[in-house]
Amino acid sequence: MELIKIHPPAVHFAIVLPVALLILDLYYRFSGKKPDKLHLIFTLLASLSVVVGAVSGVLAHEPIEEKLETIEVFETHEVLGIFLALYFVSLTGLRLFLHRIPPVVFTLLTLLGVLMLFLQGNLGGSIVYDHMIVPWLRSH
């Protein structure tokens, strides 16, 4: 049951670090600065945080797997989590070769990734609150 406790803080980092990367990237785009080591560090941290969020989700769901399988949005949440981990790892690959693609492509892909993370957070919140906490409160 302890693994369940790892997922909530992990996913908060998996949202805030990509958002911070997007803000930093937009600053660089509008100020005309070229991405530097700070940009690379934020890219790596954002990617790592999304991977950790996905892995913690896979590990955390095992103790309550039977309950989660009854929740309609869980499968979407699970698949999207794994997809987002791969997406942000790919985004890091693009960042490492940023000189070969227009910088705006990285910015737009980061924005798309952040929007998908918001959707993912909404699905996760629905699983926890709408399908677990609210029914539990009603029964007590």
Protein backbone atom coordinates (compact mmCIF):
# COMPACT_ATOMS: atom_id res chain seq x y z
CA MET A 1 0.00 0.00 0.00
CA GLU A 2 3.01 2.31 0.46
CA LEU A 3 3.56 2.63 -3.30
CA ILE A 4 0.21 4.39 -3.59
CA LYS A 5 1.67 7.24 -1.52
CA ILE A 6 4.45 7.86 -4.06
CA HIS A 7 2.17 8.59 -7.03
CA PRO A 8 0.50 11.87 -5.89
CA PRO A 9 3.71 13.83 -5.24
CA ALA A 10 5.36 12.32 -8.33
CA VAL A 11 2.56 13.45 -10.62
CA HIS A 12 2.60 16.96 -9.20
CA PHE A 13 6.24 17.26 -10.28
CA ALA A 14 5.26 15.69 -13.61
CA ILE A 15 2.92 18.62 -14.19
CA VAL A 16 4.85 21.55 -12.73
CA LEU A 17 8.23 20.82 -14.34
CA PRO A 18 6.86 20.61 -17.91
CA VAL A 19 4.86 23.81 -17.26
CA ALA A 20 8.06 25.49 -16.01
CA LEU A 21 9.85 24.24 -19.13
CA LEU A 22 7.12 25.72 -21.33
CA ILE A 23 7.35 29.08 -19.54
CA LEU A 24 11.14 29.08 -19.84
CA ASP A 25 10.96 28.06 -23.48
CA LEU A 26 8.46 30.83 -24.27
CA TYR A 27 10.73 33.34 -22.53
CA TYR A 28 13.64 32.19 -24.69
CA ARG A 29 11.54 32.37 -27.88
CA PHE A 30 10.23 35.88 -27.21
CA SER A 31 13.52 37.28 -25.89
CA GLY A 32 15.47 35.88 -28.83
CA LYS A 33 17.81 33.89 -26.58
CA LYS A 34 19.08 30.56 -27.82
CA PRO A 35 18.39 27.56 -25.58
CA ASP A 36 21.29 27.03 -23.18
CA LYS A 37 22.25 24.64 -20.38
CA LEU A 38 19.40 25.86 -18.16
CA HIS A 39 16.93 25.05 -20.92
CA LEU A 40 18.50 21.60 -21.30
CA ILE A 41 18.33 20.97 -17.54
CA PHE A 42 14.64 21.90 -17.46
CA THR A 43 14.00 19.68 -20.48
CA LEU A 44 15.71 16.73 -18.80
CA LEU A 45 13.93 17.34 -15.47
CA ALA A 46 10.55 17.67 -17.17
CA SER A 47 11.07 14.44 -19.08
CA LEU A 48 12.35 12.59 -16.03
CA SER A 49 9.43 13.80 -13.92
CA VAL A 50 6.87 12.54 -16.45
CA VAL A 51 8.62 9.16 -16.65
CA VAL A 52 8.68 8.92 -12.83
CA GLY A 53 5.00 9.88 -12.73
CA ALA A 54 4.12 7.12 -15.20
CA VAL A 55 6.25 4.50 -13.45
CA SER A 56 4.83 5.44 -10.05
CA GLY A 57 1.34 5.10 -11.51
CA VAL A 58 2.05 1.61 -12.81
CA LEU A 59 3.47 0.58 -9.43
CA ALA A 60 0.83 2.34 -7.33
CA HIS A 61 -2.18 0.84 -9.07
CA GLU A 62 -1.26 -2.79 -8.35
CA PRO A 63 -2.66 -2.94 -4.77
CA ILE A 64 -6.04 -1.55 -5.90
CA GLU A 65 -6.06 -2.91 -9.45
CA GLU A 66 -9.43 -4.64 -9.12
CA LYS A 67 -11.11 -1.41 -8.00
CA LEU A 68 -9.43 0.65 -10.73
CA GLU A 69 -10.46 -1.78 -13.48
CA THR A 70 -14.11 -0.95 -12.68
CA ILE A 71 -13.54 2.76 -13.34
CA GLU A 72 -14.29 3.64 -16.95
CA VAL A 73 -11.63 6.34 -17.39
CA PHE A 74 -8.82 4.32 -15.77
CA GLU A 75 -7.67 2.59 -18.96
CA THR A 76 -7.47 5.93 -20.78
CA HIS A 77 -5.53 7.38 -17.84
CA GLU A 78 -3.14 4.43 -17.82
CA VAL A 79 -2.48 4.46 -21.58
CA LEU A 80 -2.12 8.25 -21.69
CA GLY A 81 0.39 8.13 -18.82
CA ILE A 82 2.62 5.69 -20.66
CA PHE A 83 2.22 7.65 -23.90
CA LEU A 84 3.17 10.91 -22.16
CA ALA A 85 6.32 9.34 -20.72
CA LEU A 86 7.38 8.29 -24.22
CA TYR A 87 6.30 11.66 -25.63
CA PHE A 88 8.48 13.65 -23.21
CA VAL A 89 11.46 11.33 -23.72
CA SER A 90 11.05 11.97 -27.47
CA LEU A 91 10.78 15.70 -26.78
CA THR A 92 14.10 15.51 -24.95
CA GLY A 93 15.57 13.82 -28.02
CA LEU A 94 14.33 16.72 -30.14
CA ARG A 95 15.84 19.20 -27.70
CA LEU A 96 19.22 17.54 -27.99
CA PHE A 97 19.03 18.06 -31.76
CA LEU A 98 17.23 21.43 -31.60
CA HIS A 99 19.63 23.01 -34.06
CA ARG A 100 18.18 20.75 -36.77
CA ILE A 101 14.53 21.74 -36.36
CA PRO A 102 12.85 25.14 -36.09
CA PRO A 103 12.74 26.15 -32.40
CA VAL A 104 9.02 26.88 -32.69
CA VAL A 105 8.44 23.15 -33.28
CA PHE A 106 9.88 22.36 -29.83
CA THR A 107 7.72 25.10 -28.28
CA LEU A 108 4.53 23.83 -29.93
CA LEU A 109 5.29 20.21 -29.01
CA THR A 110 5.96 21.26 -25.41
CA LEU A 111 2.66 23.15 -25.34
CA LEU A 112 0.85 20.10 -26.71
CA GLY A 113 2.54 17.91 -24.09
CA VAL A 114 1.52 20.26 -21.27
CA LEU A 115 -2.09 20.30 -22.51
CA MET A 116 -2.11 16.50 -22.57
CA LEU A 117 -0.68 16.51 -19.03
CA PHE A 118 -3.57 18.72 -17.92
CA LEU A 119 -5.99 16.22 -19.46
CA GLN A 120 -4.12 13.42 -17.70
CA GLY A 121 -4.37 15.27 -14.37
CA ASN A 122 -8.09 15.76 -14.91
CA LEU A 123 -8.56 12.04 -15.54
CA GLY A 124 -6.50 11.17 -12.44
CA GLY A 125 -8.47 13.62 -10.32
CA SER A 126 -11.71 12.10 -11.57
CA ILE A 127 -10.51 8.61 -10.66
CA VAL A 128 -9.54 9.64 -7.12
CA TYR A 129 -12.31 12.06 -6.25
CA ASP A 130 -15.35 11.10 -8.35
CA HIS A 131 -14.87 7.34 -8.20
CA MET A 132 -13.17 6.75 -4.85
CA ILE A 133 -13.45 9.57 -2.32
CA VAL A 134 -16.99 10.78 -3.05
CA PRO A 135 -18.49 7.25 -3.02
CA TRP A 136 -16.58 6.49 0.19
CA LEU A 137 -17.89 9.69 1.83
CA ARG A 138 -21.45 8.83 0.81
CA SER A 139 -21.16 5.39 2.36
CA HIS A 140 -19.91 6.69 5.71
